[in-house]
Each structure stands twice: as C-alpha cells, then as structure tokens.
Amino acid sequence: MSPASFSLILTGVLLNAAAQLLLKAGTNAIGHFEFQWRNLVPIGWQVATEPHILGGLACYAISVVVWIMALSRVPVSMAYPMLSIGYVVNAVAAYWLLGESLPAVRVAGIFVVILGVFLIARS
C-alpha cells in the first residue's frame, strides 16, 4: 500500500472517529432522551440543532468522500480492516476527552487490534 493510499485511509478513519466523539459530546450535551411520539419534535429539534452533532454529521459526510477515494486505490479486503484503527482512536480519545474508563482488558483488546491492523497492512 502506498503512503498516499494509507494517508487517505487514515484520514477517513480519523474523520469517522471524530464523528463518533462529536456525536457522543452532543448526546452528553442533550442528556438522556427517548424518542416517543409525544416528544419526537422537541427532541428531534434538539438533536438537529446541537452543534456537536452537526459537526459529527459533517465529519461523516467528509469521511465518506475520503473513503470512496481510498477505495478507488486500495482493495476493499485491505482497506476495510483498517477501519479497526478507529476503535483504538476512539477508546483512547474517549478516555482523555470524555473521561470514560479504559480497563486493562480493553487495553489488551486495543493491542490485539493494533497487531491485526499491522499484519493486514504488511500483507
């Protein structure tokens, strides 16, 4: 895989990870909610106007364009497993930015994912 192709994949993965973190920040700002017929419009409006959620959706949209560019250069059997890098990024970023826990078992799983991505990239 060329460095340019890997850069596209990594950019797509990081945009996807940023989208997840922004969506979580948005739901943290809104608080726990349930969609029910009686609150569909007010909650829907809150979700649709929350800046973090809008930012997350924008990151998703851009990541789709970047991902399509990556797939035009790299076989999907190599590109798709690289999305696992997002698990690592999200776990670490959620720990640092959102105060989520990162127990030893999860850290061990992260290292397994890193090893798997490394093996796929080397193939």
Protein backbone atom coordinates (compact mmCIF):
# COMPACT_ATOMS: atom_id res chain seq x y z
CA MET A 1 0.00 0.00 0.00
CA SER A 2 1.41 3.37 -0.97
CA PRO A 3 1.86 6.13 1.60
CA ALA A 4 -0.75 8.25 -0.22
CA SER A 5 -3.31 5.44 -0.06
CA PHE A 6 -2.57 4.82 3.60
CA SER A 7 -2.96 8.56 4.25
CA LEU A 8 -6.40 8.52 2.65
CA ILE A 9 -7.46 5.52 4.71
CA LEU A 10 -6.10 7.06 7.91
CA THR A 11 -7.83 10.36 7.17
CA GLY A 12 -11.13 8.57 6.63
CA VAL A 13 -10.69 6.60 9.84
CA LEU A 14 -9.80 9.70 11.86
CA LEU A 15 -12.76 11.63 10.45
CA ASN A 16 -15.02 8.71 11.36
CA ALA A 17 -13.55 8.62 14.87
CA ALA A 18 -14.01 12.38 15.23
CA ALA A 19 -17.62 11.97 14.13
CA GLN A 20 -18.24 9.39 16.85
CA LEU A 21 -16.67 11.58 19.52
CA LEU A 22 -18.64 14.62 18.41
CA LEU A 23 -21.89 12.66 18.39
CA LYS A 24 -21.16 11.47 21.92
CA ALA A 25 -20.36 15.02 23.05
CA GLY A 26 -23.65 16.11 21.50
CA THR A 27 -25.65 13.45 23.30
CA ASN A 28 -23.86 14.37 26.53
CA ALA A 29 -24.96 17.98 26.00
CA ILE A 30 -28.57 16.96 25.35
CA GLY A 31 -28.74 14.32 28.07
CA HIS A 32 -30.60 11.02 28.14
CA PHE A 33 -33.68 11.02 25.95
CA GLU A 34 -36.11 8.63 24.34
CA PHE A 35 -37.86 9.15 21.06
CA GLN A 36 -41.58 8.84 21.64
CA TRP A 37 -44.41 10.26 19.60
CA ARG A 38 -45.10 12.98 22.17
CA ASN A 39 -41.52 14.26 22.25
CA LEU A 40 -40.43 13.46 18.71
CA VAL A 41 -40.46 17.09 17.52
CA PRO A 42 -38.78 18.73 20.55
CA ILE A 43 -36.10 16.06 20.91
CA GLY A 44 -35.65 15.85 17.14
CA TRP A 45 -35.14 19.63 17.08
CA GLN A 46 -32.60 19.45 19.91
CA VAL A 47 -30.68 16.72 18.11
CA ALA A 48 -30.87 18.52 14.76
CA THR A 49 -29.56 21.80 16.20
CA GLU A 50 -26.89 20.53 18.63
CA PRO A 51 -23.54 21.86 17.27
CA HIS A 52 -21.54 18.76 18.23
CA ILE A 53 -23.99 16.50 16.44
CA LEU A 54 -23.92 18.72 13.36
CA GLY A 55 -20.12 18.62 13.44
CA GLY A 56 -20.19 14.84 13.76
CA LEU A 57 -22.51 14.51 10.78
CA ALA A 58 -20.23 16.82 8.75
CA CYS A 59 -17.24 14.62 9.64
CA TYR A 60 -19.18 11.56 8.48
CA ALA A 61 -20.05 13.22 5.17
CA ILE A 62 -16.43 14.19 4.51
CA SER A 63 -15.21 10.76 5.60
CA VAL A 64 -17.45 9.11 3.00
CA VAL A 65 -15.85 11.17 0.23
CA VAL A 66 -12.36 10.37 1.53
CA TRP A 67 -13.26 6.70 1.89
CA ILE A 68 -14.51 6.50 -1.70
CA MET A 69 -11.21 7.99 -2.85
CA ALA A 70 -9.32 5.41 -0.77
CA LEU A 71 -11.37 2.52 -2.18
CA SER A 72 -10.53 3.68 -5.70
CA ARG A 73 -6.87 2.99 -4.89
CA VAL A 74 -6.83 0.06 -2.45
CA PRO A 75 -8.60 -3.32 -2.46
CA VAL A 76 -11.53 -3.36 -0.05
CA SER A 77 -10.11 -6.51 1.57
CA MET A 78 -7.17 -4.40 2.72
CA ALA A 79 -8.93 -1.07 3.31
CA TYR A 80 -11.91 -2.24 5.34
CA PRO A 81 -9.95 -3.89 8.16
CA MET A 82 -8.06 -0.61 8.57
CA LEU A 83 -11.29 0.84 9.97
CA SER A 84 -10.32 -1.01 13.15
CA ILE A 85 -7.82 1.76 13.82
CA GLY A 86 -10.90 3.80 14.69
CA TYR A 87 -11.58 1.52 17.67
CA VAL A 88 -8.17 2.37 19.07
CA VAL A 89 -8.50 6.10 18.40
CA ASN A 90 -12.00 6.25 19.89
CA ALA A 91 -11.11 4.30 23.02
CA VAL A 92 -8.08 6.46 23.78
CA ALA A 93 -9.78 9.74 22.87
CA ALA A 94 -12.89 8.86 24.91
CA TYR A 95 -10.61 8.19 27.88
CA TRP A 96 -8.77 11.52 27.52
CA LEU A 97 -11.57 13.76 26.30
CA LEU A 98 -14.72 12.30 27.81
CA GLY A 99 -13.38 10.69 30.98
CA GLU A 100 -14.52 7.21 30.00
CA SER A 101 -12.85 4.25 31.68
CA LEU A 102 -10.16 2.21 29.98
CA PRO A 103 -9.76 -1.03 31.96
CA ALA A 104 -6.87 -3.42 31.39
CA VAL A 105 -8.98 -5.87 29.37
CA ARG A 106 -9.92 -3.11 26.95
CA VAL A 107 -6.27 -2.03 26.66
CA ALA A 108 -5.32 -5.64 25.88
CA GLY A 109 -8.00 -5.72 23.18
CA ILE A 110 -6.64 -2.50 21.73
CA PHE A 111 -3.20 -4.08 21.40
CA VAL A 112 -4.74 -7.09 19.63
CA VAL A 113 -6.47 -4.73 17.18
CA ILE A 114 -3.20 -2.86 16.57
CA LEU A 115 -1.41 -6.14 15.89
CA GLY A 116 -4.14 -7.24 13.49
CA VAL A 117 -4.04 -3.95 11.56
CA PHE A 118 -0.25 -4.20 11.38
CA LEU A 119 -0.42 -7.73 9.97
CA ILE A 120 -3.03 -6.74 7.38
CA ALA A 121 -1.04 -3.67 6.32
CA ARG A 122 2.08 -5.80 5.87
CA SER A 123 0.34 -8.41 3.73
